Amino acid sequence: MLGHRTFVYAGDPVPKLQGTEYDACLINIWRGLLLSLEERGLLTPKQRERCLRELEKKKEKRQSRMRPPSPGIGGEKGGGQDEPI
């Protein structure tokens, strides 16, 4: 079991996470929470696995929305729409 950790803000700028880093971070936090619940007997291993599968599905859905549109007919960007100059 992990010990208690304290974090102190030192005034440095907080780095911005990219979409994939953000998703990975959230999944790791959720994984830790689910494992903690399982250790306390509040969740079965099967329930934990199901929750993790659902989180992965949500991550994939979010990533598919964040992907740029595929090129249109003839290789034009943005489906043939003119881009601003």
PDB file of N, CA and C in Angstrom:
ATOM      1  N   MET A   1       0.847  -1.178   0.000  1.00  0.00           N
ATOM      2  CA  MET A   1       0.000   0.000   0.000  1.00  0.00           C
ATOM      3  C   MET A   1       0.892   1.239   0.000  1.00  0.00           C
ATOM      4  N   LEU A   2       0.493   2.253  -0.737  1.00  0.00           N
ATOM      5  CA  LEU A   2       1.267   3.472  -0.828  1.00  0.00           C
ATOM      6  C   LEU A   2       1.081   4.331   0.409  1.00  0.00           C
ATOM      7  N   GLY A   3       2.162   5.006   0.806  1.00  0.00           N
ATOM      8  CA  GLY A   3       2.077   5.914   1.936  1.00  0.00           C
ATOM      9  C   GLY A   3       1.487   7.248   1.514  1.00  0.00           C
ATOM     10  N   HIS A   4       1.138   8.050   2.502  1.00  0.00           N
ATOM     11  CA  HIS A   4       0.572   9.373   2.240  1.00  0.00           C
ATOM     12  C   HIS A   4       1.644  10.287   1.675  1.00  0.00           C
ATOM     13  N   ARG A   5       1.310  11.026   0.622  1.00  0.00           N
ATOM     14  CA  ARG A   5       2.259  11.957   0.015  1.00  0.00           C
ATOM     15  C   ARG A   5       1.657  13.353   0.034  1.00  0.00           C
ATOM     16  N   THR A   6       2.475  14.333   0.290  1.00  0.00           N
ATOM     17  CA  THR A   6       2.033  15.714   0.296  1.00  0.00           C
ATOM     18  C   THR A   6       2.713  16.446  -0.849  1.00  0.00           C
ATOM     19  N   PHE A   7       1.954  17.226  -1.577  1.00  0.00           N
ATOM     20  CA  PHE A   7       2.486  18.000  -2.683  1.00  0.00           C
ATOM     21  C   PHE A   7       2.364  19.476  -2.342  1.00  0.00           C
ATOM     22  N   VAL A   8       3.438  20.210  -2.569  1.00  0.00           N
ATOM     23  CA  VAL A   8       3.460  21.640  -2.285  1.00  0.00           C
ATOM     24  C   VAL A   8       3.717  22.390  -3.580  1.00  0.00           C
ATOM     25  N   TYR A   9       2.865  23.366  -3.875  1.00  0.00           N
ATOM     26  CA  TYR A   9       3.037  24.172  -5.075  1.00  0.00           C
ATOM     27  C   TYR A   9       4.192  25.136  -4.848  1.00  0.00           C
ATOM     28  N   ALA A  10       5.197  25.088  -5.723  1.00  0.00           N
ATOM     29  CA  ALA A  10       6.402  25.896  -5.557  1.00  0.00           C
ATOM     30  C   ALA A  10       6.358  27.192  -6.351  1.00  0.00           C
ATOM     31  N   GLY A  11       5.293  27.461  -7.060  1.00  0.00           N
ATOM     32  CA  GLY A  11       5.175  28.689  -7.827  1.00  0.00           C
ATOM     33  C   GLY A  11       5.632  28.559  -9.267  1.00  0.00           C
ATOM     34  N   ASP A  12       6.192  27.430  -9.645  1.00  0.00           N
ATOM     35  CA  ASP A  12       6.614  27.221 -11.024  1.00  0.00           C
ATOM     36  C   ASP A  12       5.387  27.035 -11.906  1.00  0.00           C
ATOM     37  N   PRO A  13       5.512  27.396 -13.187  1.00  0.00           N
ATOM     38  CA  PRO A  13       4.372  27.164 -14.078  1.00  0.00           C
ATOM     39  C   PRO A  13       4.063  25.667 -14.176  1.00  0.00           C
ATOM     40  N   VAL A  14       2.807  25.361 -14.190  1.00  0.00           N
ATOM     41  CA  VAL A  14       2.373  23.968 -14.290  1.00  0.00           C
ATOM     42  C   VAL A  14       2.386  23.585 -15.764  1.00  0.00           C
ATOM     43  N   PRO A  15       3.071  22.486 -16.125  1.00  0.00           N
ATOM     44  CA  PRO A  15       3.112  22.110 -17.538  1.00  0.00           C
ATOM     45  C   PRO A  15       1.732  21.693 -18.034  1.00  0.00           C
ATOM     46  N   LYS A  16       1.449  22.055 -19.274  1.00  0.00           N
ATOM     47  CA  LYS A  16       0.171  21.664 -19.867  1.00  0.00           C
ATOM     48  C   LYS A  16       0.316  20.268 -20.457  1.00  0.00           C
ATOM     49  N   LEU A  17      -0.662  19.445 -20.188  1.00  0.00           N
ATOM     50  CA  LEU A  17      -0.649  18.088 -20.707  1.00  0.00           C
ATOM     51  C   LEU A  17      -1.324  18.049 -22.068  1.00  0.00           C
ATOM     52  N   GLN A  18      -0.747  17.295 -22.987  1.00  0.00           N
ATOM     53  CA  GLN A  18      -1.370  17.058 -24.282  1.00  0.00           C
ATOM     54  C   GLN A  18      -2.510  16.069 -24.070  1.00  0.00           C
ATOM     55  N   GLY A  19      -3.359  15.919 -25.062  1.00  0.00           N
ATOM     56  CA  GLY A  19      -4.522  15.040 -24.945  1.00  0.00           C
ATOM     57  C   GLY A  19      -4.174  13.623 -24.537  1.00  0.00           C
ATOM     58  N   THR A  20      -3.159  13.038 -25.174  1.00  0.00           N
ATOM     59  CA  THR A  20      -2.810  11.646 -24.856  1.00  0.00           C
ATOM     60  C   THR A  20      -2.187  11.542 -23.469  1.00  0.00           C
ATOM     61  N   GLU A  21      -1.383  12.544 -23.072  1.00  0.00           N
ATOM     62  CA  GLU A  21      -0.788  12.531 -21.739  1.00  0.00           C
ATOM     63  C   GLU A  21      -1.874  12.691 -20.679  1.00  0.00           C
ATOM     64  N   TYR A  22      -2.835  13.567 -20.962  1.00  0.00           N
ATOM     65  CA  TYR A  22      -3.946  13.805 -20.047  1.00  0.00           C
ATOM     66  C   TYR A  22      -4.754  12.525 -19.852  1.00  0.00           C
ATOM     67  N   ASP A  23      -5.068  11.863 -20.958  1.00  0.00           N
ATOM     68  CA  ASP A  23      -5.821  10.609 -20.880  1.00  0.00           C
ATOM     69  C   ASP A  23      -5.067   9.558 -20.085  1.00  0.00           C
ATOM     70  N   ALA A  24      -3.764   9.422 -20.351  1.00  0.00           N
ATOM     71  CA  ALA A  24      -2.953   8.431 -19.643  1.00  0.00           C
ATOM     72  C   ALA A  24      -2.907   8.745 -18.148  1.00  0.00           C
ATOM     73  N   CYS A  25      -2.776  10.016 -17.821  1.00  0.00           N
ATOM     74  CA  CYS A  25      -2.741  10.429 -16.418  1.00  0.00           C
ATOM     75  C   CYS A  25      -4.060  10.092 -15.723  1.00  0.00           C
ATOM     76  N   LEU A  26      -5.166  10.434 -16.357  1.00  0.00           N
ATOM     77  CA  LEU A  26      -6.467  10.140 -15.755  1.00  0.00           C
ATOM     78  C   LEU A  26      -6.695   8.644 -15.586  1.00  0.00           C
ATOM     79  N   ILE A  27      -6.303   7.872 -16.566  1.00  0.00           N
ATOM     80  CA  ILE A  27      -6.493   6.419 -16.462  1.00  0.00           C
ATOM     81  C   ILE A  27      -5.667   5.869 -15.304  1.00  0.00           C
ATOM     82  N   ASN A  28      -4.448   6.371 -15.137  1.00  0.00           N
ATOM     83  CA  ASN A  28      -3.624   5.908 -14.015  1.00  0.00           C
ATOM     84  C   ASN A  28      -4.228   6.294 -12.671  1.00  0.00           C
ATOM     85  N   ILE A  29      -4.803   7.484 -12.581  1.00  0.00           N
ATOM     86  CA  ILE A  29      -5.463   7.901 -11.340  1.00  0.00           C
ATOM     87  C   ILE A  29      -6.646   6.984 -11.061  1.00  0.00           C
ATOM     88  N   TRP A  30      -7.477   6.754 -12.078  1.00  0.00           N
ATOM     89  CA  TRP A  30      -8.634   5.871 -11.905  1.00  0.00           C
ATOM     90  C   TRP A  30      -8.207   4.450 -11.555  1.00  0.00           C
ATOM     91  N   ARG A  31      -7.138   3.973 -12.209  1.00  0.00           N
ATOM     92  CA  ARG A  31      -6.644   2.625 -11.920  1.00  0.00           C
ATOM     93  C   ARG A  31      -6.257   2.520 -10.441  1.00  0.00           C
ATOM     94  N   GLY A  32      -5.573   3.539  -9.930  1.00  0.00           N
ATOM     95  CA  GLY A  32      -5.185   3.554  -8.517  1.00  0.00           C
ATOM     96  C   GLY A  32      -6.389   3.569  -7.598  1.00  0.00           C
ATOM     97  N   LEU A  33      -7.389   4.366  -7.949  1.00  0.00           N
ATOM     98  CA  LEU A  33      -8.605   4.409  -7.135  1.00  0.00           C
ATOM     99  C   LEU A  33      -9.324   3.063  -7.131  1.00  0.00           C
ATOM    100  N   LEU A  34      -9.422   2.463  -8.305  1.00  0.00           N
ATOM    101  CA  LEU A  34     -10.112   1.170  -8.397  1.00  0.00           C
ATOM    102  C   LEU A  34      -9.357   0.089  -7.630  1.00  0.00           C
ATOM    103  N   LEU A  35      -8.026   0.091  -7.717  1.00  0.00           N
ATOM    104  CA  LEU A  35      -7.236  -0.887  -6.963  1.00  0.00           C
ATOM    105  C   LEU A  35      -7.402  -0.685  -5.462  1.00  0.00           C
ATOM    106  N   SER A  36      -7.477   0.564  -5.037  1.00  0.00           N
ATOM    107  CA  SER A  36      -7.679   0.872  -3.623  1.00  0.00           C
ATOM    108  C   SER A  36      -9.038   0.342  -3.151  1.00  0.00           C
ATOM    109  N   LEU A  37     -10.063   0.553  -3.968  1.00  0.00           N
ATOM    110  CA  LEU A  37     -11.393   0.041  -3.613  1.00  0.00           C
ATOM    111  C   LEU A  37     -11.405  -1.481  -3.556  1.00  0.00           C
ATOM    112  N   GLU A  38     -10.672  -2.100  -4.474  1.00  0.00           N
ATOM    113  CA  GLU A  38     -10.594  -3.564  -4.482  1.00  0.00           C
ATOM    114  C   GLU A  38      -9.880  -4.067  -3.230  1.00  0.00           C
ATOM    115  N   GLU A  39      -8.784  -3.404  -2.845  1.00  0.00           N
ATOM    116  CA  GLU A  39      -8.043  -3.812  -1.639  1.00  0.00           C
ATOM    117  C   GLU A  39      -8.908  -3.706  -0.390  1.00  0.00           C
ATOM    118  N   ARG A  40      -9.812  -2.740  -0.358  1.00  0.00           N
ATOM    119  CA  ARG A  40     -10.687  -2.544   0.807  1.00  0.00           C
ATOM    120  C   ARG A  40     -11.910  -3.453   0.779  1.00  0.00           C
ATOM    121  N   GLY A  41     -12.036  -4.240  -0.269  1.00  0.00           N
ATOM    122  CA  GLY A  41     -13.165  -5.152  -0.379  1.00  0.00           C
ATOM    123  C   GLY A  41     -14.445  -4.486  -0.845  1.00  0.00           C
ATOM    124  N   LEU A  42     -14.338  -3.280  -1.394  1.00  0.00           N
ATOM    125  CA  LEU A  42     -15.520  -2.565  -1.865  1.00  0.00           C
ATOM    126  C   LEU A  42     -15.795  -2.799  -3.345  1.00  0.00           C
ATOM    127  N   LEU A  43     -14.871  -3.506  -3.998  1.00  0.00           N
ATOM    128  CA  LEU A  43     -14.978  -3.775  -5.422  1.00  0.00           C
ATOM    129  C   LEU A  43     -14.379  -5.155  -5.680  1.00  0.00           C
ATOM    130  N   THR A  44     -15.001  -5.916  -6.555  1.00  0.00           N
ATOM    131  CA  THR A  44     -14.434  -7.217  -6.907  1.00  0.00           C
ATOM    132  C   THR A  44     -13.455  -7.028  -8.067  1.00  0.00           C
ATOM    133  N   PRO A  45     -12.541  -7.979  -8.275  1.00  0.00           N
ATOM    134  CA  PRO A  45     -11.626  -7.873  -9.416  1.00  0.00           C
ATOM    135  C   PRO A  45     -12.376  -7.742 -10.752  1.00  0.00           C
ATOM    136  N   LYS A  46     -13.484  -8.442 -10.880  1.00  0.00           N
ATOM    137  CA  LYS A  46     -14.275  -8.382 -12.107  1.00  0.00           C
ATOM    138  C   LYS A  46     -14.867  -6.982 -12.310  1.00  0.00           C
ATOM    139  N   GLN A  47     -15.341  -6.359 -11.230  1.00  0.00           N
ATOM    140  CA  GLN A  47     -15.881  -5.003 -11.323  1.00  0.00           C
ATOM    141  C   GLN A  47     -14.779  -4.016 -11.712  1.00  0.00           C
ATOM    142  N   ARG A  48     -13.591  -4.185 -11.137  1.00  0.00           N
ATOM    143  CA  ARG A  48     -12.464  -3.310 -11.451  1.00  0.00           C
ATOM    144  C   ARG A  48     -12.116  -3.420 -12.934  1.00  0.00           C
ATOM    145  N   GLU A  49     -12.031  -4.656 -13.429  1.00  0.00           N
ATOM    146  CA  GLU A  49     -11.709  -4.863 -14.841  1.00  0.00           C
ATOM    147  C   GLU A  49     -12.758  -4.234 -15.752  1.00  0.00           C
ATOM    148  N   ARG A  50     -14.014  -4.360 -15.375  1.00  0.00           N
ATOM    149  CA  ARG A  50     -15.110  -3.785 -16.170  1.00  0.00           C
ATOM    150  C   ARG A  50     -14.993  -2.259 -16.204  1.00  0.00           C
ATOM    151  N   CYS A  51     -14.702  -1.667 -15.059  1.00  0.00           N
ATOM    152  CA  CYS A  51     -14.538  -0.208 -14.999  1.00  0.00           C
ATOM    153  C   CYS A  51     -13.375   0.246 -15.874  1.00  0.00           C
ATOM    154  N   LEU A  52     -12.274  -0.487 -15.835  1.00  0.00           N
ATOM    155  CA  LEU A  52     -11.114  -0.127 -16.649  1.00  0.00           C
ATOM    156  C   LEU A  52     -11.432  -0.244 -18.145  1.00  0.00           C
ATOM    157  N   ARG A  53     -12.199  -1.258 -18.518  1.00  0.00           N
ATOM    158  CA  ARG A  53     -12.610  -1.403 -19.926  1.00  0.00           C
ATOM    159  C   ARG A  53     -13.461  -0.211 -20.363  1.00  0.00           C
ATOM    160  N   GLU A  54     -14.373   0.213 -19.481  1.00  0.00           N
ATOM    161  CA  GLU A  54     -15.232   1.355 -19.801  1.00  0.00           C
ATOM    162  C   GLU A  54     -14.406   2.634 -19.937  1.00  0.00           C
ATOM    163  N   LEU A  55     -13.398   2.797 -19.082  1.00  0.00           N
ATOM    164  CA  LEU A  55     -12.523   3.965 -19.177  1.00  0.00           C
ATOM    165  C   LEU A  55     -11.751   3.964 -20.488  1.00  0.00           C
ATOM    166  N   GLU A  56     -11.266   2.793 -20.893  1.00  0.00           N
ATOM    167  CA  GLU A  56     -10.544   2.680 -22.162  1.00  0.00           C
ATOM    168  C   GLU A  56     -11.459   3.045 -23.332  1.00  0.00           C
ATOM    169  N   LYS A  57     -12.724   2.603 -23.280  1.00  0.00           N
ATOM    170  CA  LYS A  57     -13.684   2.933 -24.340  1.00  0.00           C
ATOM    171  C   LYS A  57     -13.887   4.440 -24.423  1.00  0.00           C
ATOM    172  N   LYS A  58     -14.033   5.084 -23.261  1.00  0.00           N
ATOM    173  CA  LYS A  58     -14.223   6.534 -23.241  1.00  0.00           C
ATOM    174  C   LYS A  58     -12.995   7.241 -23.788  1.00  0.00           C
ATOM    175  N   LYS A  59     -11.807   6.727 -23.449  1.00  0.00           N
ATOM    176  CA  LYS A  59     -10.573   7.326 -23.937  1.00  0.00           C
ATOM    177  C   LYS A  59     -10.517   7.240 -25.462  1.00  0.00           C
ATOM    178  N   GLU A  60     -10.841   6.076 -26.010  1.00  0.00           N
ATOM    179  CA  GLU A  60     -10.819   5.889 -27.461  1.00  0.00           C
ATOM    180  C   GLU A  60     -11.830   6.800 -28.140  1.00  0.00           C
ATOM    181  N   LYS A  61     -13.010   6.941 -27.544  1.00  0.00           N
ATOM    182  CA  LYS A  61     -14.040   7.802 -28.106  1.00  0.00           C
ATOM    183  C   LYS A  61     -13.573   9.255 -28.106  1.00  0.00           C
ATOM    184  N   ARG A  62     -12.947   9.677 -27.022  1.00  0.00           N
ATOM    185  CA  ARG A  62     -12.447  11.049 -26.913  1.00  0.00           C
ATOM    186  C   ARG A  62     -11.336  11.300 -27.935  1.00  0.00           C
ATOM    187  N   GLN A  63     -10.448  10.327 -28.088  1.00  0.00           N
ATOM    188  CA  GLN A  63      -9.354  10.489 -29.029  1.00  0.00           C
ATOM    189  C   GLN A  63      -9.862  10.537 -30.463  1.00  0.00           C
ATOM    190  N   SER A  64     -10.898   9.779 -30.771  1.00  0.00           N
ATOM    191  CA  SER A  64     -11.432   9.795 -32.139  1.00  0.00           C
ATOM    192  C   SER A  64     -12.071  11.148 -32.444  1.00  0.00           C
ATOM    193  N   ARG A  65     -12.631  11.820 -31.445  1.00  0.00           N
ATOM    194  CA  ARG A  65     -13.197  13.154 -31.654  1.00  0.00           C
ATOM    195  C   ARG A  65     -12.112  14.196 -31.833  1.00  0.00           C
ATOM    196  N   MET A  66     -10.940  13.961 -31.241  1.00  0.00           N
ATOM    197  CA  MET A  66      -9.854  14.939 -31.287  1.00  0.00           C
ATOM    198  C   MET A  66      -9.011  14.823 -32.552  1.00  0.00           C
ATOM    199  N   ARG A  67      -9.138  13.733 -33.299  1.00  0.00           N
ATOM    200  CA  ARG A  67      -8.344  13.541 -34.510  1.00  0.00           C
ATOM    201  C   ARG A  67      -8.745  14.558 -35.562  1.00  0.00           C
ATOM    202  N   PRO A  68      -7.770  15.054 -36.322  1.00  0.00           N
ATOM    203  CA  PRO A  68      -8.109  15.993 -37.391  1.00  0.00           C
ATOM    204  C   PRO A  68      -8.880  15.277 -38.496  1.00  0.00           C
ATOM    205  N   PRO A  69      -9.690  16.014 -39.255  1.00  0.00           N
ATOM    206  CA  PRO A  69     -10.458  15.373 -40.332  1.00  0.00           C
ATOM    207  C   PRO A  69      -9.524  14.823 -41.396  1.00  0.00           C
ATOM    208  N   SER A  70      -9.949  13.731 -41.999  1.00  0.00           N
ATOM    209  CA  SER A  70      -9.133  13.129 -43.055  1.00  0.00           C
ATOM    210  C   SER A  70      -9.242  13.976 -44.317  1.00  0.00           C
ATOM    211  N   PRO A  71      -8.240  13.888 -45.191  1.00  0.00           N
ATOM    212  CA  PRO A  71      -8.277  14.670 -46.433  1.00  0.00           C
ATOM    213  C   PRO A  71      -9.488  14.312 -47.280  1.00  0.00           C
ATOM    214  N   GLY A  72      -9.999  15.294 -48.005  1.00  0.00           N
ATOM    215  CA  GLY A  72     -11.168  15.074 -48.852  1.00  0.00           C
ATOM    216  C   GLY A  72     -10.774  14.439 -50.172  1.00  0.00           C
ATOM    217  N   ILE A  73     -11.691  14.457 -51.106  1.00  0.00           N
ATOM    218  CA  ILE A  73     -11.456  13.883 -52.430  1.00  0.00           C
ATOM    219  C   ILE A  73     -10.350  14.668 -53.118  1.00  0.00           C
ATOM    220  N   GLY A  74      -9.436  13.979 -53.750  1.00  0.00           N
ATOM    221  CA  GLY A  74      -8.356  14.634 -54.450  1.00  0.00           C
ATOM    222  C   GLY A  74      -7.226  15.085 -53.546  1.00  0.00           C
ATOM    223  N   GLY A  75      -7.240  14.650 -52.295  1.00  0.00           N
ATOM    224  CA  GLY A  75      -6.157  14.988 -51.375  1.00  0.00           C
ATOM    225  C   GLY A  75      -6.238  16.393 -50.812  1.00  0.00           C
ATOM    226  N   GLU A  76      -7.372  17.070 -50.999  1.00  0.00           N
ATOM    227  CA  GLU A  76      -7.508  18.418 -50.465  1.00  0.00           C
ATOM    228  C   GLU A  76      -7.688  18.361 -48.960  1.00  0.00           C
ATOM    229  N   LYS A  77      -7.140  19.342 -48.280  1.00  0.00           N
ATOM    230  CA  LYS A  77      -7.290  19.406 -46.828  1.00  0.00           C
ATOM    231  C   LYS A  77      -8.713  19.803 -46.474  1.00  0.00           C
ATOM    232  N   GLY A  78      -9.186  19.292 -45.320  1.00  0.00           N
ATOM    233  CA  GLY A  78     -10.467  19.717 -44.780  1.00  0.00           C
ATOM    234  C   GLY A  78     -11.659  19.377 -45.647  1.00  0.00           C
ATOM    235  N   GLY A  79     -11.563  18.342 -46.445  1.00  0.00           N
ATOM    236  CA  GLY A  79     -12.710  17.918 -47.232  1.00  0.00           C
ATOM    237  C   GLY A  79     -13.014  18.859 -48.385  1.00  0.00           C
ATOM    238  N   GLY A  80     -11.992  19.531 -48.931  1.00  0.00           N
ATOM    239  CA  GLY A  80     -12.199  20.374 -50.098  1.00  0.00           C
ATOM    240  C   GLY A  80     -12.536  21.806 -49.762  1.00  0.00           C
ATOM    241  N   GLN A  81     -12.549  22.179 -48.486  1.00  0.00           N
ATOM    242  CA  GLN A  81     -12.861  23.542 -48.110  1.00  0.00           C
ATOM    243  C   GLN A  81     -11.617  24.414 -48.270  1.00  0.00           C
ATOM    244  N   ASP A  82     -11.829  25.664 -48.671  1.00  0.00           N
ATOM    245  CA  ASP A  82     -10.713  26.591 -48.790  1.00  0.00           C
ATOM    246  C   ASP A  82     -10.208  26.964 -47.410  1.00  0.00           C
ATOM    247  N   GLU A  83      -8.896  27.081 -47.306  1.00  0.00           N
ATOM    248  CA  GLU A  83      -8.296  27.494 -46.041  1.00  0.00           C
ATOM    249  C   GLU A  83      -8.046  28.987 -46.074  1.00  0.00           C
ATOM    250  N   PRO A  84      -8.197  29.674 -44.935  1.00  0.00           N
ATOM    251  CA  PRO A  84      -7.917  31.100 -44.902  1.00  0.00           C
ATOM    252  C   PRO A  84      -6.432  31.357 -45.115  1.00  0.00           C
ATOM    253  N   ILE A  85      -6.125  32.488 -45.713  1.00  0.00           N
ATOM    254  CA  ILE A  85      -4.724  32.837 -45.990  1.00  0.00           C
ATOM    255  C   ILE A  85      -4.146  33.585 -44.823  1.00  0.00           C
TER     256      ILE A  85
END
